[in-house]
Amino acid sequence: MSLGLTACGDATPGYVLHLAQGQMQVLLDSQPIQQVRAQTTDPARLAQLDWVDSVRAYAGEIGLRGAHTNYSRFYDTGAHPISYNVSASPVDELSPFQWKFPFLGALPYKGYFDRQRAVDEAQRLTELGYDALARPVAAYSTLGYLPDPLLSSMLDDGEARLADLLLHELTHVTIFADGQVDYNESTASFVGRQGALDMMRRRYGANAAQVDSIRIRREDSTNFTEFIGTLLDQLDSLYAQDLKRDEILTSRDQLLRAAQERYRQHPQLAGSRYDGFLRWERVNNARLLSYRRYNRDLHLFTAVHDAQRADLKASLPIFAHCAEQTDPWDCLEQAGR
């Protein structure tokens, strides 16, 4: 995920100042990793920093840019997420609201360093009639414009998740398709997850319990992606009909209730880490689009990766080449045949 450093179009001078001040604070308050090492006596924290070094080395090995300059400093986020993102969509269409940023183009999300600002923006969009979502993010990339620090919050979720996060963000530094946010985020999702799996295999062995745990999580993710894809298809069909707004809102929530019942009966999903889906009270197109943005057509990346004998170093140039094409998805499909 990227966070615009300066903004235009719908952004105000106050928003630009907010981003500049927030990013400056991150830069000024971060410390060199070696300094953090020298001040740390906790063996667990030292082991985490060693693992970060391993991830950076692996990233350089497979050809990700920024591995030497990014994550060489440490920033303590305290008890709060590093930032928050707002996204939105019309209630009768699976189409993201777009904000315009220089260099980055149009993006379907807007970043904030302050939670209340994000909540206020989401509320403003809701009052305008959109589905809106404000959510915390675990990390963001400045796309190589500035060195990104290691965040203290990144160290909370274990080795595999940490490797996934770092490789995901370094993929953004390496591969960027202009105007193709779904492609950018899905590429980073695939590289992060596959790279983390590769690293855990190296560290513990292919049949280790830690690796089996990752495989199970990936199977759950694949099942839920397919499940949500069915709901998205149903909503697309609903929105294509000539219905009044109230009829759409009623019908789409009926689709959600039916989907939740199917989830309860699903042998692989019921009782999994995606059970939060059962607590959704209504359809929110922004939320659904956010999920699809990070998980779109991952089977196409898998096909390319398999064709390259599961070698990320060989797969990355193909992903980068497709990012330069008018239709990166078509390019990816052709490359995986």
C-alpha atoms as a PDB file:
ATOM      1  CA  MET A   1       0.000   0.000   0.000  1.00  0.00           C
ATOM      2  CA  SER A   2       1.251   3.459  -0.852  1.00  0.00           C
ATOM      3  CA  LEU A   3       0.613   6.706   0.966  1.00  0.00           C
ATOM      4  CA  GLY A   4       0.667   9.878  -1.125  1.00  0.00           C
ATOM      5  CA  LEU A   5       3.256  12.340   0.154  1.00  0.00           C
ATOM      6  CA  THR A   6       1.620  15.246  -1.615  1.00  0.00           C
ATOM      7  CA  ALA A   7      -1.820  15.397  -3.104  1.00  0.00           C
ATOM      8  CA  CYS A   8      -3.893  17.365  -5.556  1.00  0.00           C
ATOM      9  CA  GLY A   9      -7.358  17.156  -7.072  1.00  0.00           C
ATOM     10  CA  ASP A  10      -9.786  16.527  -4.189  1.00  0.00           C
ATOM     11  CA  ALA A  11      -7.074  17.055  -1.546  1.00  0.00           C
ATOM     12  CA  THR A  12      -6.865  20.303   0.393  1.00  0.00           C
ATOM     13  CA  PRO A  13      -3.750  22.198   1.500  1.00  0.00           C
ATOM     14  CA  GLY A  14      -4.573  21.106   5.037  1.00  0.00           C
ATOM     15  CA  TYR A  15      -4.467  17.472   3.989  1.00  0.00           C
ATOM     16  CA  VAL A  16      -1.135  17.942   2.233  1.00  0.00           C
ATOM     17  CA  LEU A  17       0.264  19.574   5.378  1.00  0.00           C
ATOM     18  CA  HIS A  18      -1.094  16.734   7.508  1.00  0.00           C
ATOM     19  CA  LEU A  19       0.724  14.143   5.375  1.00  0.00           C
ATOM     20  CA  ALA A  20       3.936  16.140   5.301  1.00  0.00           C
ATOM     21  CA  GLN A  21       3.958  16.606   9.072  1.00  0.00           C
ATOM     22  CA  GLY A  22       3.137  12.959   9.719  1.00  0.00           C
ATOM     23  CA  GLN A  23       5.827  11.670   7.390  1.00  0.00           C
ATOM     24  CA  MET A  24       8.370  14.112   8.788  1.00  0.00           C
ATOM     25  CA  GLN A  25       7.657  12.872  12.306  1.00  0.00           C
ATOM     26  CA  VAL A  26       8.245   9.284  11.188  1.00  0.00           C
ATOM     27  CA  LEU A  27      11.552  10.234   9.581  1.00  0.00           C
ATOM     28  CA  LEU A  28      12.805  12.357  12.480  1.00  0.00           C
ATOM     29  CA  ASP A  29      11.765   9.953  15.242  1.00  0.00           C
ATOM     30  CA  SER A  30      13.121   6.795  13.635  1.00  0.00           C
ATOM     31  CA  GLN A  31      16.420   5.313  14.846  1.00  0.00           C
ATOM     32  CA  PRO A  32      19.092   3.292  13.061  1.00  0.00           C
ATOM     33  CA  ILE A  33      18.505  -0.420  13.555  1.00  0.00           C
ATOM     34  CA  GLN A  34      22.045  -0.852  14.885  1.00  0.00           C
ATOM     35  CA  GLN A  35      21.322   1.724  17.581  1.00  0.00           C
ATOM     36  CA  VAL A  36      18.185  -0.175  18.573  1.00  0.00           C
ATOM     37  CA  ARG A  37      20.231  -3.376  18.740  1.00  0.00           C
ATOM     38  CA  ALA A  38      22.763  -1.762  21.033  1.00  0.00           C
ATOM     39  CA  GLN A  39      20.002  -0.568  23.378  1.00  0.00           C
ATOM     40  CA  THR A  40      18.110  -3.876  23.436  1.00  0.00           C
ATOM     41  CA  THR A  41      18.703  -6.657  25.945  1.00  0.00           C
ATOM     42  CA  ASP A  42      15.559  -8.648  25.122  1.00  0.00           C
ATOM     43  CA  PRO A  43      16.629 -11.818  23.236  1.00  0.00           C
ATOM     44  CA  ALA A  44      13.238 -12.058  21.525  1.00  0.00           C
ATOM     45  CA  ARG A  45      13.518  -8.535  20.127  1.00  0.00           C
ATOM     46  CA  LEU A  46      17.078  -9.187  18.950  1.00  0.00           C
ATOM     47  CA  ALA A  47      15.883 -12.350  17.213  1.00  0.00           C
ATOM     48  CA  GLN A  48      13.177 -10.321  15.473  1.00  0.00           C
ATOM     49  CA  LEU A  49      15.740  -7.826  14.214  1.00  0.00           C
ATOM     50  CA  ASP A  50      17.905 -10.696  12.965  1.00  0.00           C
ATOM     51  CA  TRP A  51      14.886 -12.016  11.079  1.00  0.00           C
ATOM     52  CA  VAL A  52      14.357  -8.597   9.490  1.00  0.00           C
ATOM     53  CA  ASP A  53      17.942  -8.746   8.238  1.00  0.00           C
ATOM     54  CA  SER A  54      17.211 -12.173   6.771  1.00  0.00           C
ATOM     55  CA  VAL A  55      14.101 -10.877   5.011  1.00  0.00           C
ATOM     56  CA  ARG A  56      16.001  -7.939   3.558  1.00  0.00           C
ATOM     57  CA  ALA A  57      18.730 -10.279   2.326  1.00  0.00           C
ATOM     58  CA  TYR A  58      16.137 -12.568   0.755  1.00  0.00           C
ATOM     59  CA  ALA A  59      14.435  -9.582  -0.886  1.00  0.00           C
ATOM     60  CA  GLY A  60      17.705  -8.538  -2.479  1.00  0.00           C
ATOM     61  CA  GLU A  61      18.339 -12.118  -3.561  1.00  0.00           C
ATOM     62  CA  ILE A  62      15.075 -12.372  -5.516  1.00  0.00           C
ATOM     63  CA  GLY A  63      15.461  -8.915  -7.059  1.00  0.00           C
ATOM     64  CA  LEU A  64      13.261  -6.614  -4.995  1.00  0.00           C
ATOM     65  CA  ARG A  65      14.482  -3.018  -4.965  1.00  0.00           C
ATOM     66  CA  GLY A  66      15.011  -0.996  -1.821  1.00  0.00           C
ATOM     67  CA  ALA A  67      16.073  -3.939   0.323  1.00  0.00           C
ATOM     68  CA  HIS A  68      19.273  -2.168   1.411  1.00  0.00           C
ATOM     69  CA  THR A  69      17.819   1.297   2.049  1.00  0.00           C
ATOM     70  CA  ASN A  70      14.402   0.407   3.476  1.00  0.00           C
ATOM     71  CA  TYR A  71      13.958  -1.037   6.970  1.00  0.00           C
ATOM     72  CA  SER A  72      17.426  -0.004   8.088  1.00  0.00           C
ATOM     73  CA  ARG A  73      15.789   2.304  10.655  1.00  0.00           C
ATOM     74  CA  PHE A  74      13.206   1.649  13.374  1.00  0.00           C
ATOM     75  CA  TYR A  75      10.112   3.668  14.290  1.00  0.00           C
ATOM     76  CA  ASP A  76       8.083   3.032  17.443  1.00  0.00           C
ATOM     77  CA  THR A  77       4.385   3.469  16.634  1.00  0.00           C
ATOM     78  CA  GLY A  78       3.410   3.115  20.284  1.00  0.00           C
ATOM     79  CA  ALA A  79       0.006   1.580  20.845  1.00  0.00           C
ATOM     80  CA  HIS A  80      -1.427   2.917  17.582  1.00  0.00           C
ATOM     81  CA  PRO A  81      -1.389   1.845  13.919  1.00  0.00           C
ATOM     82  CA  ILE A  82       1.021   3.768  11.715  1.00  0.00           C
ATOM     83  CA  SER A  83      -1.805   5.183   9.589  1.00  0.00           C
ATOM     84  CA  TYR A  84      -5.405   4.822   8.461  1.00  0.00           C
ATOM     85  CA  ASN A  85      -6.956   4.512   5.030  1.00  0.00           C
ATOM     86  CA  VAL A  86     -10.338   5.635   3.778  1.00  0.00           C
ATOM     87  CA  SER A  87     -12.041   4.049   0.788  1.00  0.00           C
ATOM     88  CA  ALA A  88     -15.521   4.472  -0.664  1.00  0.00           C
ATOM     89  CA  SER A  89     -17.879   3.257  -3.374  1.00  0.00           C
ATOM     90  CA  PRO A  90     -21.377   4.053  -4.664  1.00  0.00           C
ATOM     91  CA  VAL A  91     -23.994   1.893  -2.935  1.00  0.00           C
ATOM     92  CA  ASP A  92     -25.330   0.629  -6.275  1.00  0.00           C
ATOM     93  CA  GLU A  93     -22.059  -0.141  -8.041  1.00  0.00           C
ATOM     94  CA  LEU A  94     -18.838  -2.007  -7.316  1.00  0.00           C
ATOM     95  CA  SER A  95     -16.732   0.934  -8.406  1.00  0.00           C
ATOM     96  CA  PRO A  96     -14.192   2.662  -6.138  1.00  0.00           C
ATOM     97  CA  PHE A  97     -14.287   6.359  -5.347  1.00  0.00           C
ATOM     98  CA  GLN A  98     -11.011   7.830  -6.643  1.00  0.00           C
ATOM     99  CA  TRP A  99      -8.642  10.423  -5.194  1.00  0.00           C
ATOM    100  CA  LYS A 100      -5.950  12.005  -7.360  1.00  0.00           C
ATOM    101  CA  PHE A 101      -2.280  12.117  -6.354  1.00  0.00           C
ATOM    102  CA  PRO A 102       0.709  13.448  -8.292  1.00  0.00           C
ATOM    103  CA  PHE A 103       3.116  10.769  -9.494  1.00  0.00           C
ATOM    104  CA  LEU A 104       0.731   8.047  -8.286  1.00  0.00           C
ATOM    105  CA  GLY A 105      -2.323   9.012 -10.332  1.00  0.00           C
ATOM    106  CA  ALA A 106      -5.818   8.102  -9.139  1.00  0.00           C
ATOM    107  CA  LEU A 107      -6.004   5.858  -6.069  1.00  0.00           C
ATOM    108  CA  PRO A 108      -9.037   4.199  -4.481  1.00  0.00           C
ATOM    109  CA  TYR A 109      -7.935   5.084  -0.967  1.00  0.00           C
ATOM    110  CA  LYS A 110      -6.759   8.129   0.959  1.00  0.00           C
ATOM    111  CA  GLY A 111      -4.261   7.842   3.803  1.00  0.00           C
ATOM    112  CA  TYR A 112      -4.161   9.655   7.126  1.00  0.00           C
ATOM    113  CA  PHE A 113      -1.799   9.597  10.075  1.00  0.00           C
ATOM    114  CA  ASP A 114      -4.644  10.589  12.411  1.00  0.00           C
ATOM    115  CA  ARG A 115      -7.554   8.227  13.084  1.00  0.00           C
ATOM    116  CA  GLN A 116     -10.146  10.944  13.658  1.00  0.00           C
ATOM    117  CA  ARG A 117      -9.363  12.594  10.334  1.00  0.00           C
ATOM    118  CA  ALA A 118      -9.930   9.261   8.607  1.00  0.00           C
ATOM    119  CA  VAL A 119     -13.186   8.663  10.482  1.00  0.00           C
ATOM    120  CA  ASP A 120     -14.400  12.171   9.613  1.00  0.00           C
ATOM    121  CA  GLU A 121     -13.628  11.662   5.916  1.00  0.00           C
ATOM    122  CA  ALA A 122     -15.462   8.337   5.890  1.00  0.00           C
ATOM    123  CA  GLN A 123     -18.431   9.973   7.614  1.00  0.00           C
ATOM    124  CA  ARG A 124     -18.438  12.808   5.070  1.00  0.00           C
ATOM    125  CA  LEU A 125     -18.570  10.316   2.215  1.00  0.00           C
ATOM    126  CA  THR A 126     -21.301   8.321   3.954  1.00  0.00           C
ATOM    127  CA  GLU A 127     -23.388  11.477   4.276  1.00  0.00           C
ATOM    128  CA  LEU A 128     -22.916  12.034   0.544  1.00  0.00           C
ATOM    129  CA  GLY A 129     -24.510   8.642  -0.068  1.00  0.00           C
ATOM    130  CA  TYR A 130     -21.459   6.417  -0.505  1.00  0.00           C
ATOM    131  CA  ASP A 131     -20.474   3.217   1.202  1.00  0.00           C
ATOM    132  CA  ALA A 132     -17.313   4.223   3.075  1.00  0.00           C
ATOM    133  CA  LEU A 133     -14.689   2.496   5.180  1.00  0.00           C
ATOM    134  CA  ALA A 134     -11.971   3.810   7.500  1.00  0.00           C
ATOM    135  CA  ARG A 135      -9.496   1.187   8.660  1.00  0.00           C
ATOM    136  CA  PRO A 136      -6.014   0.959  10.183  1.00  0.00           C
ATOM    137  CA  VAL A 137      -3.130  -0.242   8.031  1.00  0.00           C
ATOM    138  CA  ALA A 138      -0.138  -2.276   9.155  1.00  0.00           C
ATOM    139  CA  ALA A 139       2.358  -0.601   6.823  1.00  0.00           C
ATOM    140  CA  TYR A 140       2.680   1.609   3.781  1.00  0.00           C
ATOM    141  CA  SER A 141       5.286   2.284   1.124  1.00  0.00           C
ATOM    142  CA  THR A 142       6.620   5.620  -0.114  1.00  0.00           C
ATOM    143  CA  LEU A 143       7.500   3.756  -3.344  1.00  0.00           C
ATOM    144  CA  GLY A 144      11.188   4.470  -2.973  1.00  0.00           C
ATOM    145  CA  TYR A 145      10.842   8.239  -2.661  1.00  0.00           C
ATOM    146  CA  LEU A 146      11.870   8.003   1.006  1.00  0.00           C
ATOM    147  CA  PRO A 147      13.448   5.222   3.085  1.00  0.00           C
ATOM    148  CA  ASP A 148      10.699   3.319   4.882  1.00  0.00           C
ATOM    149  CA  PRO A 149      11.485   2.394   8.499  1.00  0.00           C
ATOM    150  CA  LEU A 150      10.731  -0.854  10.271  1.00  0.00           C
ATOM    151  CA  LEU A 151       7.648  -0.247  12.435  1.00  0.00           C
ATOM    152  CA  SER A 152       7.362  -1.594  15.967  1.00  0.00           C
ATOM    153  CA  SER A 153       3.830  -2.773  15.149  1.00  0.00           C
ATOM    154  CA  MET A 154       5.234  -5.027  12.415  1.00  0.00           C
ATOM    155  CA  LEU A 155       6.940  -7.145  15.065  1.00  0.00           C
ATOM    156  CA  ASP A 156       3.735  -8.215  16.799  1.00  0.00           C
ATOM    157  CA  ASP A 157       2.466 -10.969  14.497  1.00  0.00           C
ATOM    158  CA  GLY A 158       5.253 -13.529  14.143  1.00  0.00           C
ATOM    159  CA  GLU A 159       7.925 -14.363  11.609  1.00  0.00           C
ATOM    160  CA  ALA A 160       5.740 -15.307   8.642  1.00  0.00           C
ATOM    161  CA  ARG A 161       3.538 -12.223   8.894  1.00  0.00           C
ATOM    162  CA  LEU A 162       6.577  -9.960   9.295  1.00  0.00           C
ATOM    163  CA  ALA A 163       8.248 -11.416   6.214  1.00  0.00           C
ATOM    164  CA  ASP A 164       4.984 -11.099   4.281  1.00  0.00           C
ATOM    165  CA  LEU A 165       4.607  -7.424   5.240  1.00  0.00           C
ATOM    166  CA  LEU A 166       8.165  -6.420   4.371  1.00  0.00           C
ATOM    167  CA  LEU A 167       8.188  -8.281   1.054  1.00  0.00           C
ATOM    168  CA  HIS A 168       4.751  -6.876   0.192  1.00  0.00           C
ATOM    169  CA  GLU A 169       5.913  -3.293   0.666  1.00  0.00           C
ATOM    170  CA  LEU A 170       9.231  -3.868  -1.126  1.00  0.00           C
ATOM    171  CA  THR A 171       7.268  -5.228  -4.085  1.00  0.00           C
ATOM    172  CA  HIS A 172       5.598  -1.817  -4.346  1.00  0.00           C
ATOM    173  CA  VAL A 173       9.037  -0.225  -4.642  1.00  0.00           C
ATOM    174  CA  THR A 174       9.885  -2.646  -7.457  1.00  0.00           C
ATOM    175  CA  ILE A 175       6.650  -3.026  -9.442  1.00  0.00           C
ATOM    176  CA  PHE A 176       4.160  -0.236 -10.117  1.00  0.00           C
ATOM    177  CA  ALA A 177       1.505  -0.273 -12.833  1.00  0.00           C
ATOM    178  CA  ASP A 178       0.158   3.229 -13.381  1.00  0.00           C
ATOM    179  CA  GLY A 179      -3.586   3.351 -12.753  1.00  0.00           C
ATOM    180  CA  GLN A 180      -3.775  -0.368 -11.910  1.00  0.00           C
ATOM    181  CA  VAL A 181      -4.142  -0.459  -8.139  1.00  0.00           C
ATOM    182  CA  ASP A 182      -5.676  -3.939  -8.058  1.00  0.00           C
ATOM    183  CA  TYR A 183      -2.724  -5.282 -10.020  1.00  0.00           C
ATOM    184  CA  ASN A 184      -0.192  -3.526  -7.793  1.00  0.00           C
ATOM    185  CA  GLU A 185      -1.746  -4.721  -4.547  1.00  0.00           C
ATOM    186  CA  SER A 186      -2.440  -8.262  -5.748  1.00  0.00           C
ATOM    187  CA  THR A 187       1.123  -8.587  -7.047  1.00  0.00           C
ATOM    188  CA  ALA A 188       2.442  -7.463  -3.672  1.00  0.00           C
ATOM    189  CA  SER A 189       0.080  -9.856  -1.885  1.00  0.00           C
ATOM    190  CA  PHE A 190       1.293 -12.800  -3.945  1.00  0.00           C
ATOM    191  CA  VAL A 191       4.986 -11.960  -3.600  1.00  0.00           C
ATOM    192  CA  GLY A 192       4.676 -11.288   0.129  1.00  0.00           C
ATOM    193  CA  ARG A 193       2.860 -14.525   0.857  1.00  0.00           C
ATOM    194  CA  GLN A 194       4.946 -16.714  -1.428  1.00  0.00           C
ATOM    195  CA  GLY A 195       8.196 -15.165  -0.258  1.00  0.00           C
ATOM    196  CA  ALA A 196       7.242 -15.650   3.384  1.00  0.00           C
ATOM    197  CA  LEU A 197       6.430 -19.298   2.684  1.00  0.00           C
ATOM    198  CA  ASP A 198       9.774 -19.788   0.928  1.00  0.00           C
ATOM    199  CA  MET A 199      11.644 -18.238   3.837  1.00  0.00           C
ATOM    200  CA  MET A 200       9.845 -20.361   6.426  1.00  0.00           C
ATOM    201  CA  ARG A 201      10.652 -23.495   4.417  1.00  0.00           C
ATOM    202  CA  ARG A 202      14.304 -22.530   4.386  1.00  0.00           C
ATOM    203  CA  ARG A 203      14.313 -21.816   8.098  1.00  0.00           C
ATOM    204  CA  TYR A 204      12.351 -24.779   9.409  1.00  0.00           C
ATOM    205  CA  GLY A 205      12.102 -27.334   6.598  1.00  0.00           C
ATOM    206  CA  ALA A 206       9.324 -28.081   4.131  1.00  0.00           C
ATOM    207  CA  ASN A 207       7.407 -30.376   6.500  1.00  0.00           C
ATOM    208  CA  ALA A 208       7.733 -28.307   9.669  1.00  0.00           C
ATOM    209  CA  ALA A 209       4.685 -27.386  11.741  1.00  0.00           C
ATOM    210  CA  GLN A 210       5.345 -23.695  11.104  1.00  0.00           C
ATOM    211  CA  VAL A 211       5.135 -24.289   7.350  1.00  0.00           C
ATOM    212  CA  ASP A 212       2.002 -26.425   7.672  1.00  0.00           C
ATOM    213  CA  SER A 213       0.383 -23.563   9.575  1.00  0.00           C
ATOM    214  CA  ILE A 214       1.081 -21.199   6.683  1.00  0.00           C
ATOM    215  CA  ARG A 215      -0.331 -23.674   4.181  1.00  0.00           C
ATOM    216  CA  ILE A 216      -3.541 -23.954   6.198  1.00  0.00           C
ATOM    217  CA  ARG A 217      -3.879 -20.167   6.357  1.00  0.00           C
ATOM    218  CA  ARG A 218      -3.370 -19.951   2.596  1.00  0.00           C
ATOM    219  CA  GLU A 219      -6.008 -22.610   1.977  1.00  0.00           C
ATOM    220  CA  ASP A 220      -8.419 -20.675   4.194  1.00  0.00           C
ATOM    221  CA  SER A 221      -7.577 -17.497   2.300  1.00  0.00           C
ATOM    222  CA  THR A 222      -8.182 -19.176  -1.063  1.00  0.00           C
ATOM    223  CA  ASN A 223     -11.517 -20.566   0.100  1.00  0.00           C
ATOM    224  CA  PHE A 224     -12.655 -17.203   1.428  1.00  0.00           C
ATOM    225  CA  THR A 225     -11.496 -15.402  -1.716  1.00  0.00           C
ATOM    226  CA  GLU A 226     -13.617 -17.747  -3.826  1.00  0.00           C
ATOM    227  CA  PHE A 227     -16.522 -17.348  -1.414  1.00  0.00           C
ATOM    228  CA  ILE A 228     -16.402 -13.547  -1.525  1.00  0.00           C
ATOM    229  CA  GLY A 229     -16.018 -13.724  -5.310  1.00  0.00           C
ATOM    230  CA  THR A 230     -19.415 -15.419  -5.521  1.00  0.00           C
ATOM    231  CA  LEU A 231     -20.999 -12.652  -3.442  1.00  0.00           C
ATOM    232  CA  LEU A 232     -19.349  -9.997  -5.613  1.00  0.00           C
ATOM    233  CA  ASP A 233     -20.737 -11.664  -8.754  1.00  0.00           C
ATOM    234  CA  GLN A 234     -24.219 -11.680  -7.230  1.00  0.00           C
ATOM    235  CA  LEU A 235     -23.938  -8.009  -6.332  1.00  0.00           C
ATOM    236  CA  ASP A 236     -22.728  -7.137  -9.830  1.00  0.00           C
ATOM    237  CA  SER A 237     -25.836  -8.821 -11.239  1.00  0.00           C
ATOM    238  CA  LEU A 238     -28.060  -6.969  -8.775  1.00  0.00           C
ATOM    239  CA  TYR A 239     -26.531  -3.582  -9.539  1.00  0.00           C
ATOM    240  CA  ALA A 240     -26.987  -4.157 -13.279  1.00  0.00           C
ATOM    241  CA  GLN A 241     -30.765  -4.188 -12.792  1.00  0.00           C
ATOM    242  CA  ASP A 242     -32.886  -1.058 -13.111  1.00  0.00           C
ATOM    243  CA  LEU A 243     -33.905  -0.779  -9.467  1.00  0.00           C
ATOM    244  CA  LYS A 244     -34.535   2.085  -7.070  1.00  0.00           C
ATOM    245  CA  ARG A 245     -31.994   2.812  -4.347  1.00  0.00           C
ATOM    246  CA  ASP A 246     -34.182   1.424  -1.547  1.00  0.00           C
ATOM    247  CA  GLU A 247     -34.786  -1.765  -3.510  1.00  0.00           C
ATOM    248  CA  ILE A 248     -31.052  -2.195  -4.066  1.00  0.00           C
ATOM    249  CA  LEU A 249     -30.238  -1.685  -0.388  1.00  0.00           C
ATOM    250  CA  THR A 250     -32.857  -4.225   0.679  1.00  0.00           C
ATOM    251  CA  SER A 251     -31.882  -6.790  -1.950  1.00  0.00           C
ATOM    252  CA  ARG A 252     -28.153  -6.587  -1.335  1.00  0.00           C
ATOM    253  CA  ASP A 253     -28.580  -7.130   2.391  1.00  0.00           C
ATOM    254  CA  GLN A 254     -30.725 -10.167   1.600  1.00  0.00           C
ATOM    255  CA  LEU A 255     -27.811 -11.454  -0.475  1.00  0.00           C
ATOM    256  CA  LEU A 256     -25.516 -10.889   2.510  1.00  0.00           C
ATOM    257  CA  ARG A 257     -27.801 -12.836   4.866  1.00  0.00           C
ATOM    258  CA  ALA A 258     -27.922 -15.717   2.384  1.00  0.00           C
ATOM    259  CA  ALA A 259     -24.124 -15.614   2.013  1.00  0.00           C
ATOM    260  CA  GLN A 260     -23.682 -15.711   5.785  1.00  0.00           C
ATOM    261  CA  GLU A 261     -25.875 -18.797   5.963  1.00  0.00           C
ATOM    262  CA  ARG A 262     -23.798 -20.471   3.233  1.00  0.00           C
ATOM    263  CA  TYR A 263     -20.682 -19.575   5.208  1.00  0.00           C
ATOM    264  CA  ARG A 264     -22.057 -21.338   8.297  1.00  0.00           C
ATOM    265  CA  GLN A 265     -22.539 -24.477   6.222  1.00  0.00           C
ATOM    266  CA  HIS A 266     -19.157 -24.269   4.478  1.00  0.00           C
ATOM    267  CA  PRO A 267     -16.989 -27.195   5.674  1.00  0.00           C
ATOM    268  CA  GLN A 268     -13.672 -25.348   5.226  1.00  0.00           C
ATOM    269  CA  LEU A 269     -14.667 -21.832   6.309  1.00  0.00           C
ATOM    270  CA  ALA A 270     -16.959 -22.258   9.316  1.00  0.00           C
ATOM    271  CA  GLY A 271     -14.853 -21.817  12.443  1.00  0.00           C
ATOM    272  CA  SER A 272     -11.924 -20.263  10.549  1.00  0.00           C
ATOM    273  CA  ARG A 273     -10.230 -16.898  11.033  1.00  0.00           C
ATOM    274  CA  TYR A 274     -12.777 -15.367   8.641  1.00  0.00           C
ATOM    275  CA  ASP A 275     -15.707 -15.829  11.019  1.00  0.00           C
ATOM    276  CA  GLY A 276     -15.855 -12.051  11.383  1.00  0.00           C
ATOM    277  CA  PHE A 277     -17.819 -12.146   8.122  1.00  0.00           C
ATOM    278  CA  LEU A 278     -20.766 -13.442  10.145  1.00  0.00           C
ATOM    279  CA  ARG A 279     -20.822 -10.176  12.100  1.00  0.00           C
ATOM    280  CA  TRP A 280     -21.272  -7.985   9.031  1.00  0.00           C
ATOM    281  CA  GLU A 281     -24.566  -6.175   9.530  1.00  0.00           C
ATOM    282  CA  ARG A 282     -24.912  -4.872   5.984  1.00  0.00           C
ATOM    283  CA  VAL A 283     -23.191  -4.864   2.627  1.00  0.00           C
ATOM    284  CA  ASN A 284     -20.449  -2.272   2.284  1.00  0.00           C
ATOM    285  CA  ASN A 285     -19.126  -2.068  -1.275  1.00  0.00           C
ATOM    286  CA  ALA A 286     -15.993  -0.250  -0.119  1.00  0.00           C
ATOM    287  CA  ARG A 287     -15.156  -3.105   2.237  1.00  0.00           C
ATOM    288  CA  LEU A 288     -15.716  -5.743  -0.446  1.00  0.00           C
ATOM    289  CA  LEU A 289     -13.658  -3.832  -3.000  1.00  0.00           C
ATOM    290  CA  SER A 290     -10.855  -3.449  -0.470  1.00  0.00           C
ATOM    291  CA  TYR A 291     -10.720  -7.220  -0.062  1.00  0.00           C
ATOM    292  CA  ARG A 292     -10.768  -7.842  -3.818  1.00  0.00           C
ATOM    293  CA  ARG A 293      -8.069  -5.218  -4.335  1.00  0.00           C
ATOM    294  CA  TYR A 294      -5.528  -7.350  -2.469  1.00  0.00           C
ATOM    295  CA  ASN A 295      -6.668 -10.744  -3.732  1.00  0.00           C
ATOM    296  CA  ARG A 296      -7.676 -10.331  -7.362  1.00  0.00           C
ATOM    297  CA  ASP A 297      -6.989 -13.265  -9.701  1.00  0.00           C
ATOM    298  CA  LEU A 298      -4.171 -14.652  -7.582  1.00  0.00           C
ATOM    299  CA  HIS A 299      -4.402 -17.884  -9.561  1.00  0.00           C
ATOM    300  CA  LEU A 300      -2.856 -16.012 -12.516  1.00  0.00           C
ATOM    301  CA  PHE A 301       0.218 -15.172 -10.448  1.00  0.00           C
ATOM    302  CA  THR A 302       0.362 -18.773  -9.267  1.00  0.00           C
ATOM    303  CA  ALA A 303       0.281 -20.035 -12.866  1.00  0.00           C
ATOM    304  CA  VAL A 304       3.201 -17.791 -13.836  1.00  0.00           C
ATOM    305  CA  HIS A 305       5.107 -18.788 -10.707  1.00  0.00           C
ATOM    306  CA  ASP A 306       4.527 -22.482 -11.364  1.00  0.00           C
ATOM    307  CA  ALA A 307       5.709 -22.037 -14.961  1.00  0.00           C
ATOM    308  CA  GLN A 308       8.933 -20.585 -13.526  1.00  0.00           C
ATOM    309  CA  ARG A 309       9.415 -23.659 -11.312  1.00  0.00           C
ATOM    310  CA  ALA A 310       8.265 -21.780  -8.216  1.00  0.00           C
ATOM    311  CA  ASP A 311      11.205 -19.365  -8.467  1.00  0.00           C
ATOM    312  CA  LEU A 312      10.265 -15.837  -7.370  1.00  0.00           C
ATOM    313  CA  LYS A 313      13.474 -14.422  -8.807  1.00  0.00           C
ATOM    314  CA  ALA A 314      12.326 -15.658 -12.227  1.00  0.00           C
ATOM    315  CA  SER A 315       8.678 -14.689 -11.699  1.00  0.00           C
ATOM    316  CA  LEU A 316       9.250 -11.075 -10.637  1.00  0.00           C
ATOM    317  CA  PRO A 317      10.528  -9.826 -14.038  1.00  0.00           C
ATOM    318  CA  ILE A 318       7.369 -11.232 -15.639  1.00  0.00           C
ATOM    319  CA  PHE A 319       5.160  -9.478 -13.093  1.00  0.00           C
ATOM    320  CA  ALA A 320       7.126  -6.265 -13.732  1.00  0.00           C
ATOM    321  CA  HIS A 321       6.843  -6.653 -17.509  1.00  0.00           C
ATOM    322  CA  CYS A 322       3.085  -7.101 -17.278  1.00  0.00           C
ATOM    323  CA  ALA A 323       2.860  -3.980 -15.098  1.00  0.00           C
ATOM    324  CA  GLU A 324       4.136  -1.985 -18.070  1.00  0.00           C
ATOM    325  CA  GLN A 325       1.435  -3.265 -20.430  1.00  0.00           C
ATOM    326  CA  THR A 326      -1.911  -1.632 -21.182  1.00  0.00           C
ATOM    327  CA  ASP A 327      -3.720  -4.655 -19.739  1.00  0.00           C
ATOM    328  CA  PRO A 328      -1.465  -6.292 -17.140  1.00  0.00           C
ATOM    329  CA  TRP A 329      -4.050  -8.974 -16.384  1.00  0.00           C
ATOM    330  CA  ASP A 330      -4.179 -10.179 -19.978  1.00  0.00           C
ATOM    331  CA  CYS A 331      -0.373 -10.177 -20.065  1.00  0.00           C
ATOM    332  CA  LEU A 332      -0.279 -12.229 -16.873  1.00  0.00           C
ATOM    333  CA  GLU A 333      -2.777 -14.737 -18.231  1.00  0.00           C
ATOM    334  CA  GLN A 334      -0.758 -15.166 -21.417  1.00  0.00           C
ATOM    335  CA  ALA A 335       2.479 -15.579 -19.468  1.00  0.00           C
ATOM    336  CA  GLY A 336       1.014 -18.346 -17.319  1.00  0.00           C
ATOM    337  CA  ARG A 337      -0.107 -20.551 -20.209  1.00  0.00           C
END
